[in-house]
Amino acid sequence: MDANITKRNELLAQKVIKGLESRNMSGYYAASKEEALACALELIDKGSSIGMGGCMSAFEIGLVDALKAGDYKFIDRAIEPDPRAAMLAAYDSDVFIASANAITEDGIMVNIDGNSNRVSAIAQGPRKVVFIVGMNKICDDLDGAMKRARNVAAPINAQRFGLSTPCAKTGSCFDCKSPDTICCQFLITRFSRHEGRIHVILVNDNLGF
């Protein structure tokens, strides 16, 4: 990545981290995917049960492969015969891996969900939540974060899943009530009442959607 962009990202990340800390959440800056992976693994104790939603960012930094290969109890929905049982197990896991559809410069995170297993686990359940967030997800304010979640993340995910929603066909949100809609639940994470539960790794890269 260009040195000027990296410098800008580092400075912006420090602003976001201060915002997170003011909200009783921990923030970290990783200059590369490799640093992000190392940071994530430091936050996850060996032997922990690990749940995850559809977090593409975790795949992109190599975290999913590392968890599957390491001394962890990774709950893999892709191979579980009962997806609902896997979701419930993830809700009671030691660590939940997630990303954000958007995050503001002052540390507020926005997530949209269809089945709501991801947003419910972020809100409550797992003892620790580790977010992997690319610098492309940072927005000026909550309004901008909501717009990004609805007009960038949601259409791409709807297309990725092959869903028949207006946003999948046009690329922008229609506030639809389509049977295929993935915008069923909106979660705004603005504060954590439980110190040490939420950890956000900001990565100097474009990750996820």
C-alpha atoms as a PDB file:
ATOM      1  CA  MET A   1       0.000   0.000   0.000  1.00  0.00           C
ATOM      2  CA  ASP A   2       1.176   3.547  -0.785  1.00  0.00           C
ATOM      3  CA  ALA A   3       3.182   5.074   2.072  1.00  0.00           C
ATOM      4  CA  ASN A   4       0.996   8.194   2.156  1.00  0.00           C
ATOM      5  CA  ILE A   5      -2.177   6.106   2.447  1.00  0.00           C
ATOM      6  CA  THR A   6      -0.573   4.009   5.173  1.00  0.00           C
ATOM      7  CA  LYS A   7       0.352   7.123   7.152  1.00  0.00           C
ATOM      8  CA  ARG A   8      -3.156   8.506   6.798  1.00  0.00           C
ATOM      9  CA  ASN A   9      -4.661   5.182   7.856  1.00  0.00           C
ATOM     10  CA  GLU A  10      -2.422   4.978  10.912  1.00  0.00           C
ATOM     11  CA  LEU A  11      -3.458   8.454  12.056  1.00  0.00           C
ATOM     12  CA  LEU A  12      -7.142   7.796  11.365  1.00  0.00           C
ATOM     13  CA  ALA A  13      -6.977   4.457  13.167  1.00  0.00           C
ATOM     14  CA  GLN A  14      -5.637   6.163  16.292  1.00  0.00           C
ATOM     15  CA  LYS A  15      -8.650   8.482  16.242  1.00  0.00           C
ATOM     16  CA  VAL A  16     -11.011   5.519  15.956  1.00  0.00           C
ATOM     17  CA  ILE A  17      -9.176   3.667  18.740  1.00  0.00           C
ATOM     18  CA  LYS A  18      -9.608   6.645  21.073  1.00  0.00           C
ATOM     19  CA  GLY A  19     -13.303   6.629  20.231  1.00  0.00           C
ATOM     20  CA  LEU A  20     -13.549   2.922  20.980  1.00  0.00           C
ATOM     21  CA  GLU A  21     -11.753   3.338  24.292  1.00  0.00           C
ATOM     22  CA  SER A  22     -14.189   6.087  25.288  1.00  0.00           C
ATOM     23  CA  ARG A  23     -16.945   3.512  24.692  1.00  0.00           C
ATOM     24  CA  ASN A  24     -15.348   0.829  26.893  1.00  0.00           C
ATOM     25  CA  MET A  25     -14.071  -1.141  23.896  1.00  0.00           C
ATOM     26  CA  SER A  26     -10.462  -1.970  22.991  1.00  0.00           C
ATOM     27  CA  GLY A  27      -8.925  -0.980  19.666  1.00  0.00           C
ATOM     28  CA  TYR A  28      -5.743  -2.056  17.877  1.00  0.00           C
ATOM     29  CA  TYR A  29      -4.044  -1.031  14.645  1.00  0.00           C
ATOM     30  CA  ALA A  30      -2.426  -3.597  12.365  1.00  0.00           C
ATOM     31  CA  ALA A  31      -0.216  -2.326   9.558  1.00  0.00           C
ATOM     32  CA  SER A  32      -0.766  -5.509   7.524  1.00  0.00           C
ATOM     33  CA  LYS A  33      -2.901  -8.641   7.311  1.00  0.00           C
ATOM     34  CA  GLU A  34      -0.068 -10.572   8.952  1.00  0.00           C
ATOM     35  CA  GLU A  35      -0.017  -8.192  11.919  1.00  0.00           C
ATOM     36  CA  ALA A  36      -3.801  -8.415  12.157  1.00  0.00           C
ATOM     37  CA  LEU A  37      -3.620 -12.215  12.301  1.00  0.00           C
ATOM     38  CA  ALA A  38      -0.979 -12.130  15.034  1.00  0.00           C
ATOM     39  CA  CYS A  39      -3.004  -9.606  17.038  1.00  0.00           C
ATOM     40  CA  ALA A  40      -6.189 -11.679  16.746  1.00  0.00           C
ATOM     41  CA  LEU A  41      -4.436 -14.854  17.885  1.00  0.00           C
ATOM     42  CA  GLU A  42      -3.009 -13.016  20.911  1.00  0.00           C
ATOM     43  CA  LEU A  43      -6.577 -12.169  21.940  1.00  0.00           C
ATOM     44  CA  ILE A  44      -7.815 -15.766  21.660  1.00  0.00           C
ATOM     45  CA  ASP A  45      -6.761 -18.242  24.322  1.00  0.00           C
ATOM     46  CA  LYS A  46      -5.793 -21.762  23.259  1.00  0.00           C
ATOM     47  CA  GLY A  47      -8.610 -24.228  23.805  1.00  0.00           C
ATOM     48  CA  SER A  48     -11.292 -21.569  23.371  1.00  0.00           C
ATOM     49  CA  SER A  49     -14.542 -22.337  21.597  1.00  0.00           C
ATOM     50  CA  ILE A  50     -14.834 -20.025  18.593  1.00  0.00           C
ATOM     51  CA  GLY A  51     -18.017 -18.909  16.844  1.00  0.00           C
ATOM     52  CA  MET A  52     -18.277 -16.765  13.733  1.00  0.00           C
ATOM     53  CA  GLY A  53     -20.811 -15.202  11.419  1.00  0.00           C
ATOM     54  CA  GLY A  54     -20.163 -14.605   7.734  1.00  0.00           C
ATOM     55  CA  CYS A  55     -16.962 -12.648   8.339  1.00  0.00           C
ATOM     56  CA  MET A  56     -15.044 -12.421   5.056  1.00  0.00           C
ATOM     57  CA  SER A  57     -12.387 -10.236   6.692  1.00  0.00           C
ATOM     58  CA  ALA A  58     -11.401 -13.113   9.000  1.00  0.00           C
ATOM     59  CA  PHE A  59     -10.873 -15.341   5.968  1.00  0.00           C
ATOM     60  CA  GLU A  60      -8.848 -12.655   4.205  1.00  0.00           C
ATOM     61  CA  ILE A  61      -6.281 -12.259   6.998  1.00  0.00           C
ATOM     62  CA  GLY A  62      -5.920 -16.042   7.371  1.00  0.00           C
ATOM     63  CA  LEU A  63      -7.612 -16.210  10.779  1.00  0.00           C
ATOM     64  CA  VAL A  64     -10.137 -18.898   9.907  1.00  0.00           C
ATOM     65  CA  ASP A  65      -7.448 -21.256   8.587  1.00  0.00           C
ATOM     66  CA  ALA A  66      -5.305 -20.610  11.675  1.00  0.00           C
ATOM     67  CA  LEU A  67      -8.204 -21.372  14.027  1.00  0.00           C
ATOM     68  CA  LYS A  68      -9.115 -24.565  12.184  1.00  0.00           C
ATOM     69  CA  ALA A  69      -5.512 -25.753  12.258  1.00  0.00           C
ATOM     70  CA  GLY A  70      -4.748 -24.680  15.823  1.00  0.00           C
ATOM     71  CA  ASP A  71      -5.672 -25.765  19.328  1.00  0.00           C
ATOM     72  CA  TYR A  72      -9.156 -24.252  19.239  1.00  0.00           C
ATOM     73  CA  LYS A  73     -12.729 -25.513  19.140  1.00  0.00           C
ATOM     74  CA  PHE A  74     -13.836 -23.801  15.942  1.00  0.00           C
ATOM     75  CA  ILE A  75     -17.569 -24.056  15.298  1.00  0.00           C
ATOM     76  CA  ASP A  76     -17.711 -24.451  11.519  1.00  0.00           C
ATOM     77  CA  ARG A  77     -21.218 -23.812  10.217  1.00  0.00           C
ATOM     78  CA  ALA A  78     -20.160 -24.934   6.754  1.00  0.00           C
ATOM     79  CA  ILE A  79     -19.772 -28.533   7.865  1.00  0.00           C
ATOM     80  CA  GLU A  80     -22.279 -28.713  10.707  1.00  0.00           C
ATOM     81  CA  PRO A  81     -25.300 -30.902   9.819  1.00  0.00           C
ATOM     82  CA  ASP A  82     -27.605 -28.620  11.816  1.00  0.00           C
ATOM     83  CA  PRO A  83     -26.894 -24.924  11.040  1.00  0.00           C
ATOM     84  CA  ARG A  84     -29.233 -23.713  13.797  1.00  0.00           C
ATOM     85  CA  ALA A  85     -27.426 -25.825  16.388  1.00  0.00           C
ATOM     86  CA  ALA A  86     -24.135 -24.336  15.176  1.00  0.00           C
ATOM     87  CA  MET A  87     -25.535 -20.814  15.539  1.00  0.00           C
ATOM     88  CA  LEU A  88     -26.698 -21.539  19.083  1.00  0.00           C
ATOM     89  CA  ALA A  89     -23.325 -23.039  19.951  1.00  0.00           C
ATOM     90  CA  ALA A  90     -21.623 -19.917  18.612  1.00  0.00           C
ATOM     91  CA  TYR A  91     -23.874 -17.778  20.818  1.00  0.00           C
ATOM     92  CA  ASP A  92     -22.447 -19.556  23.865  1.00  0.00           C
ATOM     93  CA  SER A  93     -18.843 -19.591  22.627  1.00  0.00           C
ATOM     94  CA  ASP A  94     -15.809 -18.196  24.408  1.00  0.00           C
ATOM     95  CA  VAL A  95     -14.947 -15.957  21.459  1.00  0.00           C
ATOM     96  CA  PHE A  96     -17.011 -14.682  18.552  1.00  0.00           C
ATOM     97  CA  ILE A  97     -15.260 -13.456  15.395  1.00  0.00           C
ATOM     98  CA  ALA A  98     -16.972 -10.644  13.507  1.00  0.00           C
ATOM     99  CA  SER A  99     -16.477  -7.609  11.345  1.00  0.00           C
ATOM    100  CA  ALA A 100     -18.453  -4.404  10.961  1.00  0.00           C
ATOM    101  CA  ASN A 101     -20.411  -3.260   7.948  1.00  0.00           C
ATOM    102  CA  ALA A 102     -19.234   0.213   8.947  1.00  0.00           C
ATOM    103  CA  ILE A 103     -17.510   2.020  11.820  1.00  0.00           C
ATOM    104  CA  THR A 104     -17.472   5.723  12.593  1.00  0.00           C
ATOM    105  CA  GLU A 105     -14.409   7.809  13.332  1.00  0.00           C
ATOM    106  CA  ASP A 106     -15.547   8.041  16.960  1.00  0.00           C
ATOM    107  CA  GLY A 107     -15.925   4.283  17.372  1.00  0.00           C
ATOM    108  CA  ILE A 108     -19.575   3.399  16.717  1.00  0.00           C
ATOM    109  CA  MET A 109     -20.116   0.180  14.732  1.00  0.00           C
ATOM    110  CA  VAL A 110     -23.047  -0.663  12.454  1.00  0.00           C
ATOM    111  CA  ASN A 111     -24.059  -4.176  11.408  1.00  0.00           C
ATOM    112  CA  ILE A 112     -26.994  -5.442   9.355  1.00  0.00           C
ATOM    113  CA  ASP A 113     -28.127  -9.058   9.487  1.00  0.00           C
ATOM    114  CA  GLY A 114     -30.632 -11.368   7.855  1.00  0.00           C
ATOM    115  CA  ASN A 115     -30.826 -14.364  10.191  1.00  0.00           C
ATOM    116  CA  SER A 116     -29.747 -12.150  13.106  1.00  0.00           C
ATOM    117  CA  ASN A 117     -27.371 -14.772  14.522  1.00  0.00           C
ATOM    118  CA  ARG A 118     -24.409 -12.450  13.954  1.00  0.00           C
ATOM    119  CA  VAL A 119     -25.859  -9.284  15.481  1.00  0.00           C
ATOM    120  CA  SER A 120     -27.329 -11.159  18.445  1.00  0.00           C
ATOM    121  CA  ALA A 121     -23.950 -12.721  19.247  1.00  0.00           C
ATOM    122  CA  ILE A 122     -22.245  -9.346  18.973  1.00  0.00           C
ATOM    123  CA  ALA A 123     -24.795  -7.824  21.354  1.00  0.00           C
ATOM    124  CA  GLN A 124     -24.781 -10.582  23.961  1.00  0.00           C
ATOM    125  CA  GLY A 125     -23.738 -14.180  24.500  1.00  0.00           C
ATOM    126  CA  PRO A 126     -20.075 -14.936  23.707  1.00  0.00           C
ATOM    127  CA  ARG A 127     -17.657 -13.924  26.423  1.00  0.00           C
ATOM    128  CA  LYS A 128     -15.405 -12.026  24.001  1.00  0.00           C
ATOM    129  CA  VAL A 129     -15.975 -10.524  20.549  1.00  0.00           C
ATOM    130  CA  VAL A 130     -13.033  -9.882  18.215  1.00  0.00           C
ATOM    131  CA  PHE A 131     -13.737  -7.632  15.230  1.00  0.00           C
ATOM    132  CA  ILE A 132     -11.543  -7.615  12.109  1.00  0.00           C
ATOM    133  CA  VAL A 133     -12.198  -4.315  10.328  1.00  0.00           C
ATOM    134  CA  GLY A 134     -10.510  -2.976   7.204  1.00  0.00           C
ATOM    135  CA  MET A 135      -9.850   0.744   6.969  1.00  0.00           C
ATOM    136  CA  ASN A 136     -12.293   0.874   4.046  1.00  0.00           C
ATOM    137  CA  LYS A 137     -15.137   0.512   6.576  1.00  0.00           C
ATOM    138  CA  ILE A 138     -14.474   3.826   8.375  1.00  0.00           C
ATOM    139  CA  CYS A 139     -17.085   6.578   7.912  1.00  0.00           C
ATOM    140  CA  ASP A 140     -17.308  10.155   9.161  1.00  0.00           C
ATOM    141  CA  ASP A 141     -20.368   9.696  11.343  1.00  0.00           C
ATOM    142  CA  LEU A 142     -23.303   7.413  12.137  1.00  0.00           C
ATOM    143  CA  ASP A 143     -25.350   8.656   9.191  1.00  0.00           C
ATOM    144  CA  GLY A 144     -22.493   7.818   6.847  1.00  0.00           C
ATOM    145  CA  ALA A 145     -22.037   4.432   8.504  1.00  0.00           C
ATOM    146  CA  MET A 146     -25.712   3.568   8.048  1.00  0.00           C
ATOM    147  CA  LYS A 147     -25.542   4.603   4.395  1.00  0.00           C
ATOM    148  CA  ARG A 148     -22.450   2.481   3.837  1.00  0.00           C
ATOM    149  CA  ALA A 149     -24.014  -0.547   5.499  1.00  0.00           C
ATOM    150  CA  ARG A 150     -27.184  -0.248   3.414  1.00  0.00           C
ATOM    151  CA  ASN A 151     -25.760   0.888   0.063  1.00  0.00           C
ATOM    152  CA  VAL A 152     -22.363  -0.829  -0.063  1.00  0.00           C
ATOM    153  CA  ALA A 153     -22.275  -3.861   2.243  1.00  0.00           C
ATOM    154  CA  ALA A 154     -25.874  -5.054   1.846  1.00  0.00           C
ATOM    155  CA  PRO A 155     -26.045  -5.032  -1.990  1.00  0.00           C
ATOM    156  CA  ILE A 156     -22.699  -6.820  -2.310  1.00  0.00           C
ATOM    157  CA  ASN A 157     -23.703  -9.467   0.212  1.00  0.00           C
ATOM    158  CA  ALA A 158     -27.088  -9.948  -1.449  1.00  0.00           C
ATOM    159  CA  GLN A 159     -25.311 -10.481  -4.772  1.00  0.00           C
ATOM    160  CA  ARG A 160     -22.765 -12.798  -3.116  1.00  0.00           C
ATOM    161  CA  PHE A 161     -25.557 -14.986  -1.766  1.00  0.00           C
ATOM    162  CA  GLY A 162     -27.472 -14.949  -5.074  1.00  0.00           C
ATOM    163  CA  LEU A 163     -30.519 -13.296  -3.521  1.00  0.00           C
ATOM    164  CA  SER A 164     -33.348 -11.670  -5.446  1.00  0.00           C
ATOM    165  CA  THR A 165     -33.512  -8.279  -3.753  1.00  0.00           C
ATOM    166  CA  PRO A 166     -33.834  -4.829  -5.351  1.00  0.00           C
ATOM    167  CA  CYS A 167     -30.366  -3.889  -4.080  1.00  0.00           C
ATOM    168  CA  ALA A 168     -28.828  -6.986  -5.689  1.00  0.00           C
ATOM    169  CA  LYS A 169     -30.255  -5.866  -9.025  1.00  0.00           C
ATOM    170  CA  THR A 170     -29.514  -2.134  -8.772  1.00  0.00           C
ATOM    171  CA  GLY A 171     -26.639  -1.816  -6.296  1.00  0.00           C
ATOM    172  CA  SER A 172     -28.451   0.505  -3.883  1.00  0.00           C
ATOM    173  CA  CYS A 173     -30.888   0.165  -1.007  1.00  0.00           C
ATOM    174  CA  PHE A 174     -34.645   0.312  -1.598  1.00  0.00           C
ATOM    175  CA  ASP A 175     -35.623  -0.218   2.074  1.00  0.00           C
ATOM    176  CA  CYS A 176     -37.344  -3.329   0.745  1.00  0.00           C
ATOM    177  CA  LYS A 177     -39.526  -5.961   2.342  1.00  0.00           C
ATOM    178  CA  SER A 178     -38.439  -8.608  -0.120  1.00  0.00           C
ATOM    179  CA  PRO A 179     -38.669 -12.214   1.135  1.00  0.00           C
ATOM    180  CA  ASP A 180     -34.921 -12.411   0.446  1.00  0.00           C
ATOM    181  CA  THR A 181     -34.005  -9.242   2.332  1.00  0.00           C
ATOM    182  CA  ILE A 182     -30.897  -9.470   4.503  1.00  0.00           C
ATOM    183  CA  CYS A 183     -31.672  -6.163   6.197  1.00  0.00           C
ATOM    184  CA  CYS A 184     -33.837  -7.666   8.941  1.00  0.00           C
ATOM    185  CA  GLN A 185     -31.947  -6.477  11.995  1.00  0.00           C
ATOM    186  CA  PHE A 186     -29.764  -3.376  12.439  1.00  0.00           C
ATOM    187  CA  LEU A 187     -27.296  -3.298  15.333  1.00  0.00           C
ATOM    188  CA  ILE A 188     -25.580  -0.088  16.438  1.00  0.00           C
ATOM    189  CA  THR A 189     -22.799  -0.818  18.909  1.00  0.00           C
ATOM    190  CA  ARG A 190     -22.027   2.461  20.648  1.00  0.00           C
ATOM    191  CA  PHE A 191     -20.895   1.272  24.094  1.00  0.00           C
ATOM    192  CA  SER A 192     -19.957  -1.909  25.913  1.00  0.00           C
ATOM    193  CA  ARG A 193     -21.061  -2.297  29.507  1.00  0.00           C
ATOM    194  CA  HIS A 194     -18.652  -5.215  29.899  1.00  0.00           C
ATOM    195  CA  GLU A 195     -15.025  -4.149  30.003  1.00  0.00           C
ATOM    196  CA  GLY A 196     -12.692  -6.411  28.057  1.00  0.00           C
ATOM    197  CA  ARG A 197     -15.442  -8.000  25.965  1.00  0.00           C
ATOM    198  CA  ILE A 198     -15.205  -6.145  22.635  1.00  0.00           C
ATOM    199  CA  HIS A 199     -11.903  -5.875  20.759  1.00  0.00           C
ATOM    200  CA  VAL A 200     -11.570  -4.171  17.368  1.00  0.00           C
ATOM    201  CA  ILE A 201      -8.557  -4.747  15.119  1.00  0.00           C
ATOM    202  CA  LEU A 202      -8.286  -2.043  12.440  1.00  0.00           C
ATOM    203  CA  VAL A 203      -6.325  -3.346   9.477  1.00  0.00           C
ATOM    204  CA  ASN A 204      -4.365  -1.234   7.007  1.00  0.00           C
ATOM    205  CA  ASP A 205      -6.087  -2.852   4.041  1.00  0.00           C
ATOM    206  CA  ASN A 206      -9.386  -3.070   2.195  1.00  0.00           C
ATOM    207  CA  LEU A 207     -11.184  -6.041   3.750  1.00  0.00           C
ATOM    208  CA  GLY A 208     -14.674  -7.440   3.368  1.00  0.00           C
ATOM    209  CA  PHE A 209     -17.558  -5.433   1.972  1.00  0.00           C
END
